[in-house]
Amino acid sequence: TLPDAKLVSELKSGGDPIILSVTRDGKTYIEKEEVKKDDLATALEQAMQKTPGAPIMFKGDREADYKVIREAILEVTKTRVMGVSLAASQLKDESDVKGAK
């Protein structure tokens, strides 16, 4: 499940993105292939070579441990990626926010 956001924008350029995901149980995937944390930067660079110019879309499950998300983002910084888009689900209204009264 993706985190919620009030404002979201669509990815507009670069074709289909390379999807980098972190699941609630802390596993990391590039597209649908599981990648160990220590291999993430190398695997991401290989994916970027296969689809030059493709944007990177980061999907972190809202239940995932923040430490795991942060470690994945730090691995991305070891690559030559110019930017990463963060995926989120758009809130329909304020009542969608957890804990809203």
Protein backbone atom coordinates (compact mmCIF):
# COMPACT_ATOMS: atom_id res chain seq x y z
CA THR A 1 0.00 0.00 0.00
CA LEU A 2 1.44 3.35 -1.04
CA PRO A 3 1.56 6.34 1.28
CA ASP A 4 -1.16 8.98 0.80
CA ALA A 5 -0.54 12.53 -0.43
CA LYS A 6 -2.78 15.55 -0.97
CA LEU A 7 -0.98 16.68 -4.10
CA VAL A 8 0.32 14.26 -6.69
CA SER A 9 1.46 14.75 -10.27
CA GLU A 10 1.76 12.34 -13.14
CA LEU A 11 5.11 11.30 -14.54
CA LYS A 12 5.14 13.09 -17.89
CA SER A 13 8.41 12.29 -19.66
CA GLY A 14 10.97 9.60 -20.24
CA GLY A 15 8.65 6.72 -21.13
CA ASP A 16 7.86 3.88 -18.77
CA PRO A 17 9.67 4.26 -15.46
CA ILE A 18 11.98 1.77 -13.82
CA ILE A 19 10.10 0.72 -10.68
CA LEU A 20 12.12 0.46 -7.48
CA SER A 21 10.01 -0.97 -4.65
CA VAL A 22 10.39 -1.66 -0.95
CA THR A 23 7.77 -4.00 0.51
CA ARG A 24 6.33 -3.96 4.01
CA ASP A 25 8.59 -6.89 4.92
CA GLY A 26 11.69 -4.92 3.85
CA LYS A 27 12.41 -6.66 0.54
CA THR A 28 13.70 -4.52 -2.31
CA TYR A 29 12.73 -5.03 -5.96
CA ILE A 30 13.66 -3.52 -9.29
CA GLU A 31 10.62 -4.12 -11.43
CA LYS A 32 9.57 -7.61 -10.23
CA GLU A 33 13.01 -8.97 -9.43
CA GLU A 34 14.13 -9.08 -5.81
CA VAL A 35 17.49 -7.39 -5.25
CA LYS A 36 19.64 -7.56 -2.13
CA LYS A 37 20.43 -4.20 -0.57
CA ASP A 38 24.15 -4.54 -1.26
CA ASP A 39 23.45 -5.19 -4.96
CA LEU A 40 20.86 -2.44 -5.41
CA ALA A 41 23.09 0.28 -6.90
CA THR A 42 24.64 -2.12 -9.43
CA ALA A 43 21.27 -3.64 -10.39
CA LEU A 44 19.75 -0.17 -10.81
CA GLU A 45 22.60 0.93 -13.07
CA GLN A 46 22.10 -2.23 -15.17
CA ALA A 47 18.38 -1.47 -15.47
CA MET A 48 19.20 2.10 -16.53
CA GLN A 49 21.56 0.80 -19.23
CA LYS A 50 18.76 -1.38 -20.63
CA THR A 51 16.35 1.56 -20.78
CA PRO A 52 18.40 4.76 -21.11
CA GLY A 53 16.54 7.90 -20.12
CA ALA A 54 13.81 6.03 -18.25
CA PRO A 55 12.77 7.78 -15.05
CA ILE A 56 13.05 6.01 -11.70
CA MET A 57 9.82 5.56 -9.71
CA PHE A 58 10.31 4.69 -6.03
CA LYS A 59 7.44 2.84 -4.35
CA GLY A 60 7.77 2.29 -0.62
CA ASP A 61 5.00 0.48 1.21
CA ARG A 62 3.49 2.67 3.92
CA GLU A 63 4.02 -0.21 6.40
CA ALA A 64 7.73 -0.59 5.54
CA ASP A 65 10.30 0.32 8.17
CA TYR A 66 11.59 3.83 7.43
CA LYS A 67 15.17 2.64 7.97
CA VAL A 68 14.84 0.20 5.06
CA ILE A 69 13.37 2.92 2.82
CA ARG A 70 16.19 5.28 3.74
CA GLU A 71 18.85 2.63 3.07
CA ALA A 72 17.35 1.97 -0.38
CA ILE A 73 17.38 5.68 -1.20
CA LEU A 74 21.01 5.93 -0.06
CA GLU A 75 21.90 3.08 -2.44
CA VAL A 76 20.22 4.97 -5.28
CA THR A 77 22.48 7.96 -4.59
CA LYS A 78 25.46 5.75 -5.46
CA THR A 79 24.23 5.61 -9.07
CA ARG A 80 24.15 8.28 -11.76
CA VAL A 81 20.41 8.80 -11.43
CA MET A 82 19.51 12.46 -11.90
CA GLY A 83 16.25 12.19 -9.99
CA VAL A 84 13.75 9.81 -8.48
CA SER A 85 9.97 10.19 -8.39
CA LEU A 86 8.12 9.01 -5.30
CA ALA A 87 4.87 7.11 -5.78
CA ALA A 88 1.84 7.93 -3.61
CA SER A 89 -1.91 7.45 -3.61
CA GLN A 90 -3.87 10.68 -3.92
CA LEU A 91 -6.20 11.52 -1.05
CA LYS A 92 -9.75 12.24 -2.12
CA ASP A 93 -10.47 14.53 0.83
CA GLU A 94 -9.35 15.29 4.39
CA SER A 95 -11.38 12.38 5.80
CA ASP A 96 -9.03 9.98 3.98
CA VAL A 97 -6.17 10.96 6.30
CA LYS A 98 -5.57 8.35 9.00
CA GLY A 99 -6.56 9.77 12.34
CA ALA A 100 -8.60 12.64 10.84
CA LYS A 101 -11.69 13.56 12.83
